[in-house]
Structure formats: C-alpha cells, structure tokens
Amino acid sequence: MAFAVWIPSRRSDGALSDPDSLLQEHALWHLLCALATLLIWLYYRSERRIDA
C-alpha cells in the first residue's frame, strides 16, 4: 500500500501532492511503512524457536 501511495505522489503535480492538505502523501507513506514493520515484528515474535 505504501508503494501505491508513493506512485501518484512522485511528481509535484501528482494527485496527492497538495502541500496545503492536512493529509500529506509522505506522512501516509511513513505510517504505512511503520505499520508494515510492526506486522513483520509481530509475525517474527510469534515464531517458535526450534531447539536442536
């Protein structure tokens, strides 16, 4: 999803490139990346350790 937000906002005249908007595309991109990091961390934390 973060990549999908980034695509239209790459250019200054993009669909999500309104500097006066409350929702900035770059901030949304950061939030989605943070969410992905949290979900990956929760997944790794749920894995069980295999003792050899």
N, C-alpha and C. Protein backbone atom coordinates (compact mmCIF):
# COMPACT_ATOMS: atom_id res chain seq x y z
N MET A 1 0.82 -1.19 0.00
CA MET A 1 0.00 0.00 0.00
C MET A 1 0.87 1.26 0.00
N ALA A 2 1.98 1.19 0.73
CA ALA A 2 2.86 2.37 0.76
C ALA A 2 3.39 2.68 -0.64
N PHE A 3 3.70 1.66 -1.39
CA PHE A 3 4.18 1.86 -2.77
C PHE A 3 3.08 2.47 -3.63
N ALA A 4 1.84 2.02 -3.42
CA ALA A 4 0.71 2.56 -4.18
C ALA A 4 0.47 4.04 -3.85
N VAL A 5 0.78 4.46 -2.65
CA VAL A 5 0.66 5.87 -2.28
C VAL A 5 1.80 6.67 -2.89
N TRP A 6 2.97 6.07 -2.96
CA TRP A 6 4.15 6.77 -3.45
C TRP A 6 4.06 7.06 -4.95
N ILE A 7 3.50 6.15 -5.73
CA ILE A 7 3.46 6.29 -7.19
C ILE A 7 2.80 7.60 -7.64
N PRO A 8 1.57 7.92 -7.21
CA PRO A 8 0.98 9.17 -7.70
C PRO A 8 1.57 10.43 -7.08
N SER A 9 2.37 10.28 -6.05
CA SER A 9 2.91 11.47 -5.38
C SER A 9 4.37 11.74 -5.74
N ARG A 10 4.91 11.05 -6.70
CA ARG A 10 6.31 11.24 -7.08
C ARG A 10 6.56 12.61 -7.68
N ARG A 11 5.61 13.12 -8.41
CA ARG A 11 5.78 14.40 -9.09
C ARG A 11 5.09 15.51 -8.31
N SER A 12 5.54 16.71 -8.48
CA SER A 12 4.95 17.83 -7.74
C SER A 12 3.53 18.14 -8.19
N ASP A 13 3.13 17.70 -9.39
CA ASP A 13 1.75 17.91 -9.84
C ASP A 13 0.92 16.64 -9.74
N GLY A 14 1.38 15.69 -8.91
CA GLY A 14 0.68 14.42 -8.74
C GLY A 14 -0.64 14.58 -8.00
N ALA A 15 -1.41 13.50 -7.98
CA ALA A 15 -2.74 13.53 -7.37
C ALA A 15 -2.69 13.79 -5.87
N LEU A 16 -1.65 13.36 -5.21
CA LEU A 16 -1.56 13.52 -3.76
C LEU A 16 -0.55 14.56 -3.34
N SER A 17 -0.21 15.46 -4.21
CA SER A 17 0.84 16.44 -3.93
C SER A 17 0.27 17.83 -3.65
N ASP A 18 -0.60 17.92 -2.70
CA ASP A 18 -1.15 19.22 -2.31
C ASP A 18 -0.47 19.64 -1.01
N PRO A 19 0.44 20.62 -1.06
CA PRO A 19 1.19 21.00 0.14
C PRO A 19 0.32 21.62 1.23
N ASP A 20 -0.88 22.08 0.89
CA ASP A 20 -1.77 22.69 1.88
C ASP A 20 -2.76 21.70 2.48
N SER A 21 -2.70 20.46 2.04
CA SER A 21 -3.61 19.43 2.51
C SER A 21 -3.22 18.96 3.92
N LEU A 22 -4.22 18.59 4.71
CA LEU A 22 -3.95 18.05 6.04
C LEU A 22 -3.29 16.68 5.95
N LEU A 23 -3.69 15.88 4.97
CA LEU A 23 -3.12 14.56 4.77
C LEU A 23 -2.04 14.64 3.70
N GLN A 24 -0.82 14.53 4.09
CA GLN A 24 0.31 14.58 3.17
C GLN A 24 0.68 13.16 2.75
N GLU A 25 0.98 12.98 1.49
CA GLU A 25 1.30 11.63 0.99
C GLU A 25 2.56 11.07 1.63
N HIS A 26 3.52 11.90 1.93
CA HIS A 26 4.76 11.40 2.52
C HIS A 26 4.51 10.91 3.94
N ALA A 27 3.67 11.60 4.68
CA ALA A 27 3.31 11.17 6.03
C ALA A 27 2.54 9.85 5.98
N LEU A 28 1.63 9.72 5.04
CA LEU A 28 0.88 8.48 4.88
C LEU A 28 1.82 7.34 4.53
N TRP A 29 2.79 7.60 3.68
CA TRP A 29 3.78 6.58 3.31
C TRP A 29 4.54 6.12 4.55
N HIS A 30 4.95 7.05 5.40
CA HIS A 30 5.66 6.69 6.62
C HIS A 30 4.78 5.86 7.56
N LEU A 31 3.53 6.23 7.69
CA LEU A 31 2.63 5.46 8.55
C LEU A 31 2.43 4.04 8.05
N LEU A 32 2.28 3.89 6.75
CA LEU A 32 2.10 2.54 6.19
C LEU A 32 3.37 1.70 6.34
N CYS A 33 4.53 2.32 6.18
CA CYS A 33 5.79 1.59 6.39
C CYS A 33 5.94 1.18 7.85
N ALA A 34 5.56 2.06 8.77
CA ALA A 34 5.62 1.73 10.19
C ALA A 34 4.67 0.59 10.52
N LEU A 35 3.49 0.60 9.93
CA LEU A 35 2.54 -0.48 10.14
C LEU A 35 3.09 -1.80 9.61
N ALA A 36 3.71 -1.78 8.45
CA ALA A 36 4.30 -3.00 7.89
C ALA A 36 5.42 -3.52 8.80
N THR A 37 6.22 -2.62 9.35
CA THR A 37 7.29 -3.02 10.26
C THR A 37 6.71 -3.66 11.52
N LEU A 38 5.67 -3.08 12.06
CA LEU A 38 5.01 -3.65 13.24
C LEU A 38 4.47 -5.03 12.95
N LEU A 39 3.82 -5.20 11.81
CA LEU A 39 3.25 -6.50 11.47
C LEU A 39 4.33 -7.56 11.26
N ILE A 40 5.45 -7.18 10.66
CA ILE A 40 6.56 -8.13 10.50
C ILE A 40 7.12 -8.50 11.86
N TRP A 41 7.27 -7.52 12.74
CA TRP A 41 7.78 -7.79 14.09
C TRP A 41 6.85 -8.73 14.85
N LEU A 42 5.54 -8.50 14.76
CA LEU A 42 4.58 -9.39 15.43
C LEU A 42 4.65 -10.80 14.86
N TYR A 43 4.84 -10.92 13.57
CA TYR A 43 4.96 -12.24 12.96
C TYR A 43 6.21 -12.96 13.46
N TYR A 44 7.35 -12.27 13.44
CA TYR A 44 8.59 -12.90 13.92
C TYR A 44 8.50 -13.25 15.40
N ARG A 45 7.84 -12.43 16.17
CA ARG A 45 7.69 -12.70 17.61
C ARG A 45 6.85 -13.93 17.86
N SER A 46 5.93 -14.22 16.95
CA SER A 46 5.05 -15.38 17.13
C SER A 46 5.70 -16.70 16.75
N GLU A 47 6.81 -16.63 16.04
CA GLU A 47 7.51 -17.86 15.64
C GLU A 47 8.10 -18.57 16.86
N ARG A 48 8.07 -19.85 16.83
CA ARG A 48 8.62 -20.63 17.95
C ARG A 48 10.05 -21.02 17.62
N ARG A 49 10.90 -21.00 18.65
CA ARG A 49 12.29 -21.37 18.47
C ARG A 49 12.41 -22.89 18.44
N ILE A 50 13.20 -23.38 17.51
CA ILE A 50 13.44 -24.81 17.38
C ILE A 50 14.75 -25.13 18.07
N ASP A 51 14.71 -25.94 19.11
CA ASP A 51 15.93 -26.34 19.82
C ASP A 51 16.51 -27.56 19.14
N ALA A 52 17.78 -27.48 18.83
CA ALA A 52 18.44 -28.60 18.13
C ALA A 52 18.94 -29.63 19.10
